[in-house]
PDB file of all heavy atoms in Angstrom:
ATOM      1  N   SER A   1      95.228  86.797 115.598  1.00  0.00           N
ATOM      2  CA  SER A   1      96.307  87.221 116.494  1.00  0.00           C
ATOM      3  C   SER A   1      97.638  87.376 115.779  1.00  0.00           C
ATOM      4  O   SER A   1      98.608  87.844 116.392  1.00  0.00           O
ATOM      5  CB  SER A   1      96.468  86.212 117.637  1.00  0.00           C
ATOM      6  OG  SER A   1      95.274  86.096 118.387  1.00  0.00           O
ATOM      7  N   GLY A   2      97.704  86.992 114.499  1.00  0.00           N
ATOM      8  CA  GLY A   2      98.967  87.122 113.774  1.00  0.00           C
ATOM      9  C   GLY A   2      99.487  88.543 113.764  1.00  0.00           C
ATOM     10  O   GLY A   2     100.698  88.780 113.913  1.00  0.00           O
ATOM     11  N   THR A   3      98.584  89.525 113.608  1.00  0.00           N
ATOM     12  CA  THR A   3      99.007  90.923 113.572  1.00  0.00           C
ATOM     13  C   THR A   3      99.505  91.411 114.927  1.00  0.00           C
ATOM     14  O   THR A   3     100.621  91.913 115.023  1.00  0.00           O
ATOM     15  CB  THR A   3      97.859  91.817 113.060  1.00  0.00           C
ATOM     16  OG1 THR A   3      97.529  91.425 111.725  1.00  0.00           O
ATOM     17  CG2 THR A   3      98.274  93.273 113.054  1.00  0.00           C
ATOM     18  N   PRO A   4      98.716  91.281 116.016  1.00  0.00           N
ATOM     19  CA  PRO A   4      99.252  91.704 117.318  1.00  0.00           C
ATOM     20  C   PRO A   4     100.461  90.895 117.760  1.00  0.00           C
ATOM     21  O   PRO A   4     101.360  91.432 118.417  1.00  0.00           O
ATOM     22  CB  PRO A   4      98.065  91.523 118.278  1.00  0.00           C
ATOM     23  CG  PRO A   4      97.021  90.815 117.537  1.00  0.00           C
ATOM     24  CD  PRO A   4      97.291  90.936 116.093  1.00  0.00           C
ATOM     25  N   ASN A   5     100.520  89.612 117.398  1.00  0.00           N
ATOM     26  CA  ASN A   5     101.710  88.821 117.734  1.00  0.00           C
ATOM     27  C   ASN A   5     102.948  89.406 117.075  1.00  0.00           C
ATOM     28  O   ASN A   5     104.021  89.503 117.677  1.00  0.00           O
ATOM     29  CB  ASN A   5     101.542  87.370 117.280  1.00  0.00           C
ATOM     30  CG  ASN A   5     100.586  86.596 118.154  1.00  0.00           C
ATOM     31  OD1 ASN A   5     100.253  87.017 119.254  1.00  0.00           O
ATOM     32  ND2 ASN A   5     100.119  85.462 117.670  1.00  0.00           N
ATOM     33  N   SER A   6     102.804  89.784 115.812  1.00  0.00           N
ATOM     34  CA  SER A   6     103.926  90.357 115.081  1.00  0.00           C
ATOM     35  C   SER A   6     104.343  91.706 115.656  1.00  0.00           C
ATOM     36  O   SER A   6     105.538  92.037 115.694  1.00  0.00           O
ATOM     37  CB  SER A   6     103.543  90.514 113.608  1.00  0.00           C
ATOM     38  OG  SER A   6     104.578  91.121 112.875  1.00  0.00           O
ATOM     39  N   PHE A   7     103.363  92.465 116.121  1.00  0.00           N
ATOM     40  CA  PHE A   7     103.650  93.807 116.635  1.00  0.00           C
ATOM     41  C   PHE A   7     104.227  93.767 118.049  1.00  0.00           C
ATOM     42  O   PHE A   7     105.229  94.417 118.344  1.00  0.00           O
ATOM     43  CB  PHE A   7     102.375  94.651 116.610  1.00  0.00           C
ATOM     44  CG  PHE A   7     102.579  96.075 117.045  1.00  0.00           C
ATOM     45  CD1 PHE A   7     103.320  96.954 116.266  1.00  0.00           C
ATOM     46  CD2 PHE A   7     102.024  96.536 118.224  1.00  0.00           C
ATOM     47  CE1 PHE A   7     103.514  98.266 116.664  1.00  0.00           C
ATOM     48  CE2 PHE A   7     102.209  97.844 118.627  1.00  0.00           C
ATOM     49  CZ  PHE A   7     102.950  98.713 117.844  1.00  0.00           C
ATOM     50  N   TYR A   8     103.597  92.981 118.927  1.00  0.00           N
ATOM     51  CA  TYR A   8     104.014  92.949 120.332  1.00  0.00           C
ATOM     52  C   TYR A   8     105.036  91.846 120.623  1.00  0.00           C
ATOM     53  O   TYR A   8     105.785  91.941 121.589  1.00  0.00           O
ATOM     54  CB  TYR A   8     102.803  92.751 121.241  1.00  0.00           C
ATOM     55  CG  TYR A   8     101.812  93.891 121.207  1.00  0.00           C
ATOM     56  CD1 TYR A   8     100.532  93.702 120.703  1.00  0.00           C
ATOM     57  CD2 TYR A   8     102.154  95.155 121.666  1.00  0.00           C
ATOM     58  CE1 TYR A   8      99.615  94.742 120.658  1.00  0.00           C
ATOM     59  CE2 TYR A   8     101.244  96.202 121.639  1.00  0.00           C
ATOM     60  CZ  TYR A   8      99.979  95.996 121.132  1.00  0.00           C
ATOM     61  OH  TYR A   8      99.080  97.017 121.088  1.00  0.00           O
ATOM     62  N   GLY A   9     105.027  90.781 119.828  1.00  0.00           N
ATOM     63  CA  GLY A   9     105.952  89.679 120.063  1.00  0.00           C
ATOM     64  C   GLY A   9     105.728  88.971 121.380  1.00  0.00           C
ATOM     65  O   GLY A   9     106.692  88.649 122.082  1.00  0.00           O
ATOM     66  N   ASN A  10     104.453  88.693 121.736  1.00  0.00           N
ATOM     67  CA  ASN A  10     104.175  88.126 123.058  1.00  0.00           C
ATOM     68  C   ASN A  10     103.288  86.881 123.015  1.00  0.00           C
ATOM     69  O   ASN A  10     102.557  86.602 123.960  1.00  0.00           O
ATOM     70  CB  ASN A  10     103.509  89.178 123.946  1.00  0.00           C
ATOM     71  CG  ASN A  10     102.158  89.615 123.403  1.00  0.00           C
ATOM     72  OD1 ASN A  10     101.823  89.335 122.255  1.00  0.00           O
ATOM     73  ND2 ASN A  10     101.387  90.320 124.215  1.00  0.00           N
ATOM     74  N   ARG A  11     103.317  86.114 121.930  1.00  0.00           N
ATOM     75  CA  ARG A  11     102.431  84.951 121.845  1.00  0.00           C
ATOM     76  C   ARG A  11     102.815  83.841 122.809  1.00  0.00           C
ATOM     77  O   ARG A  11     102.057  82.891 123.014  1.00  0.00           O
ATOM     78  CB  ARG A  11     102.416  84.399 120.425  1.00  0.00           C
ATOM     79  CG  ARG A  11     103.703  83.712 120.007  1.00  0.00           C
ATOM     80  CD  ARG A  11     103.536  82.976 118.697  1.00  0.00           C
ATOM     81  NE  ARG A  11     104.750  82.276 118.319  1.00  0.00           N
ATOM     82  CZ  ARG A  11     104.808  81.357 117.364  1.00  0.00           C
ATOM     83  NH1 ARG A  11     103.720  81.046 116.693  1.00  0.00           N
ATOM     84  NH2 ARG A  11     105.943  80.761 117.060  1.00  0.00           N
ATOM     85  N   PHE A  12     103.987  83.954 123.439  1.00  0.00           N
ATOM     86  CA  PHE A  12     104.467  82.947 124.376  1.00  0.00           C
ATOM     87  C   PHE A  12     103.904  83.176 125.777  1.00  0.00           C
ATOM     88  O   PHE A  12     104.087  82.357 126.673  1.00  0.00           O
ATOM     89  CB  PHE A  12     105.996  82.989 124.432  1.00  0.00           C
ATOM     90  CG  PHE A  12     106.648  81.646 124.680  1.00  0.00           C
ATOM     91  CD1 PHE A  12     107.925  81.400 124.234  1.00  0.00           C
ATOM     92  CD2 PHE A  12     105.990  80.636 125.357  1.00  0.00           C
ATOM     93  CE1 PHE A  12     108.557  80.174 124.449  1.00  0.00           C
ATOM     94  CE2 PHE A  12     106.595  79.404 125.591  1.00  0.00           C
ATOM     95  CZ  PHE A  12     107.887  79.181 125.137  1.00  0.00           C
ATOM     96  N   GLU A  13     103.250  84.286 126.007  1.00  0.00           N
ATOM     97  CA  GLU A  13     102.811  84.642 127.349  1.00  0.00           C
ATOM     98  C   GLU A  13     101.359  84.257 127.578  1.00  0.00           C
ATOM     99  O   GLU A  13     100.573  84.136 126.639  1.00  0.00           O
ATOM    100  CB  GLU A  13     103.018  86.139 127.580  1.00  0.00           C
ATOM    101  CG  GLU A  13     104.475  86.567 127.458  1.00  0.00           C
ATOM    102  CD  GLU A  13     104.665  88.061 127.630  1.00  0.00           C
ATOM    103  OE1 GLU A  13     103.657  88.763 127.875  1.00  0.00           O
ATOM    104  OE2 GLU A  13     105.805  88.527 127.516  1.00  0.00           O
ATOM    105  N   GLY A  14     101.005  84.075 128.851  1.00  0.00           N
ATOM    106  CA  GLY A  14      99.688  83.779 129.368  1.00  0.00           C
ATOM    107  C   GLY A  14      98.542  83.554 128.416  1.00  0.00           C
ATOM    108  O   GLY A  14      98.375  82.487 127.833  1.00  0.00           O
ATOM    109  N   ALA A  15      97.688  84.583 128.256  1.00  0.00           N
ATOM    110  CA  ALA A  15      96.457  84.444 127.479  1.00  0.00           C
ATOM    111  C   ALA A  15      96.736  84.113 126.021  1.00  0.00           C
ATOM    112  O   ALA A  15      95.980  83.369 125.395  1.00  0.00           O
ATOM    113  CB  ALA A  15      95.640  85.727 127.582  1.00  0.00           C
ATOM    114  N   GLN A  16      97.819  84.647 125.478  1.00  0.00           N
ATOM    115  CA  GLN A  16      98.142  84.368 124.072  1.00  0.00           C
ATOM    116  C   GLN A  16      98.502  82.904 123.885  1.00  0.00           C
ATOM    117  O   GLN A  16      98.041  82.251 122.944  1.00  0.00           O
ATOM    118  CB  GLN A  16      99.300  85.264 123.610  1.00  0.00           C
ATOM    119  CG  GLN A  16      98.946  86.720 123.399  1.00  0.00           C
ATOM    120  CD  GLN A  16      98.739  87.468 124.702  1.00  0.00           C
ATOM    121  OE1 GLN A  16      99.274  87.082 125.735  1.00  0.00           O
ATOM    122  NE2 GLN A  16      97.981  88.534 124.656  1.00  0.00           N
ATOM    123  N   PHE A  17      99.307  82.368 124.761  1.00  0.00           N
ATOM    124  CA  PHE A  17      99.691  80.958 124.661  1.00  0.00           C
ATOM    125  C   PHE A  17      98.477  80.047 124.836  1.00  0.00           C
ATOM    126  O   PHE A  17      98.331  79.039 124.150  1.00  0.00           O
ATOM    127  CB  PHE A  17     100.744  80.640 125.731  1.00  0.00           C
ATOM    128  CG  PHE A  17     101.264  79.225 125.676  1.00  0.00           C
ATOM    129  CD1 PHE A  17     102.388  78.923 124.928  1.00  0.00           C
ATOM    130  CD2 PHE A  17     100.643  78.200 126.372  1.00  0.00           C
ATOM    131  CE1 PHE A  17     102.887  77.625 124.863  1.00  0.00           C
ATOM    132  CE2 PHE A  17     101.121  76.903 126.321  1.00  0.00           C
ATOM    133  CZ  PHE A  17     102.245  76.613 125.567  1.00  0.00           C
ATOM    134  N   ASP A  18      97.590  80.420 125.764  1.00  0.00           N
ATOM    135  CA  ASP A  18      96.464  79.567 126.110  1.00  0.00           C
ATOM    136  C   ASP A  18      95.329  79.601 125.100  1.00  0.00           C
ATOM    137  O   ASP A  18      94.438  78.744 125.161  1.00  0.00           O
ATOM    138  CB  ASP A  18      95.908  79.971 127.475  1.00  0.00           C
ATOM    139  CG  ASP A  18      96.868  79.653 128.601  1.00  0.00           C
ATOM    140  OD1 ASP A  18      97.789  78.845 128.376  1.00  0.00           O
ATOM    141  OD2 ASP A  18      96.700  80.209 129.701  1.00  0.00           O
ATOM    142  N   SER A  19      95.311  80.581 124.197  1.00  0.00           N
ATOM    143  CA  SER A  19      94.173  80.729 123.291  1.00  0.00           C
ATOM    144  C   SER A  19      94.529  80.514 121.822  1.00  0.00           C
ATOM    145  O   SER A  19      93.660  80.653 120.962  1.00  0.00           O
ATOM    146  CB  SER A  19      93.555  82.122 123.454  1.00  0.00           C
ATOM    147  OG  SER A  19      94.498  83.134 123.150  1.00  0.00           O
ATOM    148  N   GLN A  20      95.785  80.165 121.525  1.00  0.00           N
ATOM    149  CA  GLN A  20      96.197  80.036 120.134  1.00  0.00           C
ATOM    150  C   GLN A  20      96.788  78.653 119.845  1.00  0.00           C
ATOM    151  O   GLN A  20      97.300  77.983 120.740  1.00  0.00           O
ATOM    152  CB  GLN A  20      97.228  81.112 119.777  1.00  0.00           C
ATOM    153  CG  GLN A  20      96.718  82.532 119.920  1.00  0.00           C
ATOM    154  CD  GLN A  20      97.800  83.577 119.682  1.00  0.00           C
ATOM    155  OE1 GLN A  20      98.715  83.377 118.884  1.00  0.00           O
ATOM    156  NE2 GLN A  20      97.703  84.693 120.383  1.00  0.00           N
ATOM    157  N   ASN A  21      96.677  78.262 118.566  1.00  0.00           N
ATOM    158  CA  ASN A  21      97.276  77.030 118.053  1.00  0.00           C
ATOM    159  C   ASN A  21      96.642  75.787 118.685  1.00  0.00           C
ATOM    160  O   ASN A  21      95.426  75.721 118.805  1.00  0.00           O
ATOM    161  CB  ASN A  21      98.797  77.085 118.203  1.00  0.00           C
ATOM    162  CG  ASN A  21      99.395  78.171 117.312  1.00  0.00           C
ATOM    163  OD1 ASN A  21      99.201  78.182 116.102  1.00  0.00           O
ATOM    164  ND2 ASN A  21     100.102  79.116 117.915  1.00  0.00           N
ATOM    165  N   ILE A  22      97.425  74.795 119.117  1.00  0.00           N
ATOM    166  CA  ILE A  22      96.849  73.509 119.495  1.00  0.00           C
ATOM    167  C   ILE A  22      96.495  73.391 120.973  1.00  0.00           C
ATOM    168  O   ILE A  22      95.685  72.533 121.344  1.00  0.00           O
ATOM    169  CB  ILE A  22      97.799  72.353 119.116  1.00  0.00           C
ATOM    170  CG1 ILE A  22      99.137  72.503 119.854  1.00  0.00           C
ATOM    171  CG2 ILE A  22      98.008  72.295 117.618  1.00  0.00           C
ATOM    172  CD1 ILE A  22     100.053  71.318 119.655  1.00  0.00           C
ATOM    173  N   ALA A  23      97.076  74.230 121.822  1.00  0.00           N
ATOM    174  CA  ALA A  23      96.819  74.116 123.258  1.00  0.00           C
ATOM    175  C   ALA A  23      95.341  74.244 123.609  1.00  0.00           C
ATOM    176  O   ALA A  23      94.818  73.437 124.391  1.00  0.00           O
ATOM    177  CB  ALA A  23      97.649  75.141 124.032  1.00  0.00           C
ATOM    178  N   PRO A  24      94.608  75.238 123.083  1.00  0.00           N
ATOM    179  CA  PRO A  24      93.191  75.351 123.472  1.00  0.00           C
ATOM    180  C   PRO A  24      92.338  74.156 123.048  1.00  0.00           C
ATOM    181  O   PRO A  24      91.321  73.875 123.689  1.00  0.00           O
ATOM    182  CB  PRO A  24      92.734  76.641 122.771  1.00  0.00           C
ATOM    183  CG  PRO A  24      93.737  76.901 121.712  1.00  0.00           C
ATOM    184  CD  PRO A  24      95.024  76.364 122.229  1.00  0.00           C
ATOM    185  N   ILE A  25      92.729  73.456 122.000  1.00  0.00           N
ATOM    186  CA  ILE A  25      91.985  72.254 121.603  1.00  0.00           C
ATOM    187  C   ILE A  25      92.136  71.178 122.676  1.00  0.00           C
ATOM    188  O   ILE A  25      91.161  70.540 123.083  1.00  0.00           O
ATOM    189  CB  ILE A  25      92.487  71.733 120.249  1.00  0.00           C
ATOM    190  CG1 ILE A  25      92.365  72.822 119.173  1.00  0.00           C
ATOM    191  CG2 ILE A  25      91.717  70.480 119.827  1.00  0.00           C
ATOM    192  CD1 ILE A  25      92.984  72.443 117.838  1.00  0.00           C
ATOM    193  N   ALA A  26      93.360  70.997 123.155  1.00  0.00           N
ATOM    194  CA  ALA A  26      93.598  70.017 124.223  1.00  0.00           C
ATOM    195  C   ALA A  26      92.899  70.431 125.512  1.00  0.00           C
ATOM    196  O   ALA A  26      92.354  69.586 126.229  1.00  0.00           O
ATOM    197  CB  ALA A  26      95.101  69.866 124.458  1.00  0.00           C
ATOM    198  N   PHE A  27      92.883  71.743 125.816  1.00  0.00           N
ATOM    199  CA  PHE A  27      92.180  72.215 127.008  1.00  0.00           C
ATOM    200  C   PHE A  27      90.690  71.878 126.924  1.00  0.00           C
ATOM    201  O   PHE A  27      90.076  71.468 127.908  1.00  0.00           O
ATOM    202  CB  PHE A  27      92.339  73.738 127.160  1.00  0.00           C
ATOM    203  CG  PHE A  27      93.754  74.202 127.373  1.00  0.00           C
ATOM    204  CD1 PHE A  27      94.123  75.495 127.035  1.00  0.00           C
ATOM    205  CD2 PHE A  27      94.709  73.364 127.918  1.00  0.00           C
ATOM    206  CE1 PHE A  27      95.418  75.943 127.229  1.00  0.00           C
ATOM    207  CE2 PHE A  27      96.011  73.792 128.124  1.00  0.00           C
ATOM    208  CZ  PHE A  27      96.367  75.088 127.776  1.00  0.00           C
ATOM    209  N   ALA A  28      90.109  72.077 125.733  1.00  0.00           N
ATOM    210  CA  ALA A  28      88.679  71.819 125.563  1.00  0.00           C
ATOM    211  C   ALA A  28      88.360  70.335 125.715  1.00  0.00           C
ATOM    212  O   ALA A  28      87.375  69.969 126.370  1.00  0.00           O
ATOM    213  CB  ALA A  28      88.223  72.320 124.196  1.00  0.00           C
ATOM    214  N   VAL A  29      89.179  69.476 125.126  1.00  0.00           N
ATOM    215  CA  VAL A  29      88.960  68.027 125.256  1.00  0.00           C
ATOM    216  C   VAL A  29      89.077  67.608 126.717  1.00  0.00           C
ATOM    217  O   VAL A  29      88.276  66.806 127.224  1.00  0.00           O
ATOM    218  CB  VAL A  29      89.958  67.254 124.377  1.00  0.00           C
ATOM    219  CG1 VAL A  29      89.847  65.748 124.628  1.00  0.00           C
ATOM    220  CG2 VAL A  29      89.713  67.552 122.896  1.00  0.00           C
ATOM    221  N   PHE A  30      90.061  68.157 127.412  1.00  0.00           N
ATOM    222  CA  PHE A  30      90.228  67.856 128.838  1.00  0.00           C
ATOM    223  C   PHE A  30      89.018  68.314 129.643  1.00  0.00           C
ATOM    224  O   PHE A  30      88.521  67.585 130.513  1.00  0.00           O
ATOM    225  CB  PHE A  30      91.494  68.538 129.362  1.00  0.00           C
ATOM    226  CG  PHE A  30      91.592  68.576 130.863  1.00  0.00           C
ATOM    227  CD1 PHE A  30      91.877  67.434 131.583  1.00  0.00           C
ATOM    228  CD2 PHE A  30      91.380  69.763 131.553  1.00  0.00           C
ATOM    229  CE1 PHE A  30      91.952  67.467 132.973  1.00  0.00           C
ATOM    230  CE2 PHE A  30      91.459  69.811 132.931  1.00  0.00           C
ATOM    231  CZ  PHE A  30      91.741  68.656 133.648  1.00  0.00           C
ATOM    232  N   ALA A  31      88.528  69.532 129.362  1.00  0.00           N
ATOM    233  CA  ALA A  31      87.390  70.063 130.111  1.00  0.00           C
ATOM    234  C   ALA A  31      86.144  69.205 129.910  1.00  0.00           C
ATOM    235  O   ALA A  31      85.415  68.911 130.871  1.00  0.00           O
ATOM    236  CB  ALA A  31      87.115  71.500 129.685  1.00  0.00           C
ATOM    237  N   VAL A  32      85.878  68.792 128.675  1.00  0.00           N
ATOM    238  CA  VAL A  32      84.706  67.962 128.401  1.00  0.00           C
ATOM    239  C   VAL A  32      84.873  66.584 129.035  1.00  0.00           C
ATOM    240  O   VAL A  32      83.920  66.031 129.602  1.00  0.00           O
ATOM    241  CB  VAL A  32      84.470  67.848 126.884  1.00  0.00           C
ATOM    242  CG1 VAL A  32      83.414  66.806 126.575  1.00  0.00           C
ATOM    243  CG2 VAL A  32      84.049  69.204 126.322  1.00  0.00           C
ATOM    244  N   ALA A  33      86.074  66.025 128.965  1.00  0.00           N
ATOM    245  CA  ALA A  33      86.326  64.728 129.607  1.00  0.00           C
ATOM    246  C   ALA A  33      86.140  64.834 131.120  1.00  0.00           C
ATOM    247  O   ALA A  33      85.590  63.925 131.758  1.00  0.00           O
ATOM    248  CB  ALA A  33      87.732  64.244 129.275  1.00  0.00           C
ATOM    249  N   LEU A  34      86.582  65.948 131.687  1.00  0.00           N
ATOM    250  CA  LEU A  34      86.397  66.177 133.120  1.00  0.00           C
ATOM    251  C   LEU A  34      84.911  66.261 133.458  1.00  0.00           C
ATOM    252  O   LEU A  34      84.452  65.699 134.456  1.00  0.00           O
ATOM    253  CB  LEU A  34      87.101  67.469 133.528  1.00  0.00           C
ATOM    254  CG  LEU A  34      87.034  67.885 134.998  1.00  0.00           C
ATOM    255  CD1 LEU A  34      87.642  66.815 135.891  1.00  0.00           C
ATOM    256  CD2 LEU A  34      87.748  69.218 135.195  1.00  0.00           C
TER     257      LEU A  34
END
């Protein structure tokens, strides 16, 4: 996503925020714990 992030500048929004960096790891741990 580095290339589209650089081009569009939208990594802070919805799907980009939820699927990149550390947030999705925490989501996965939460889902399995649930």
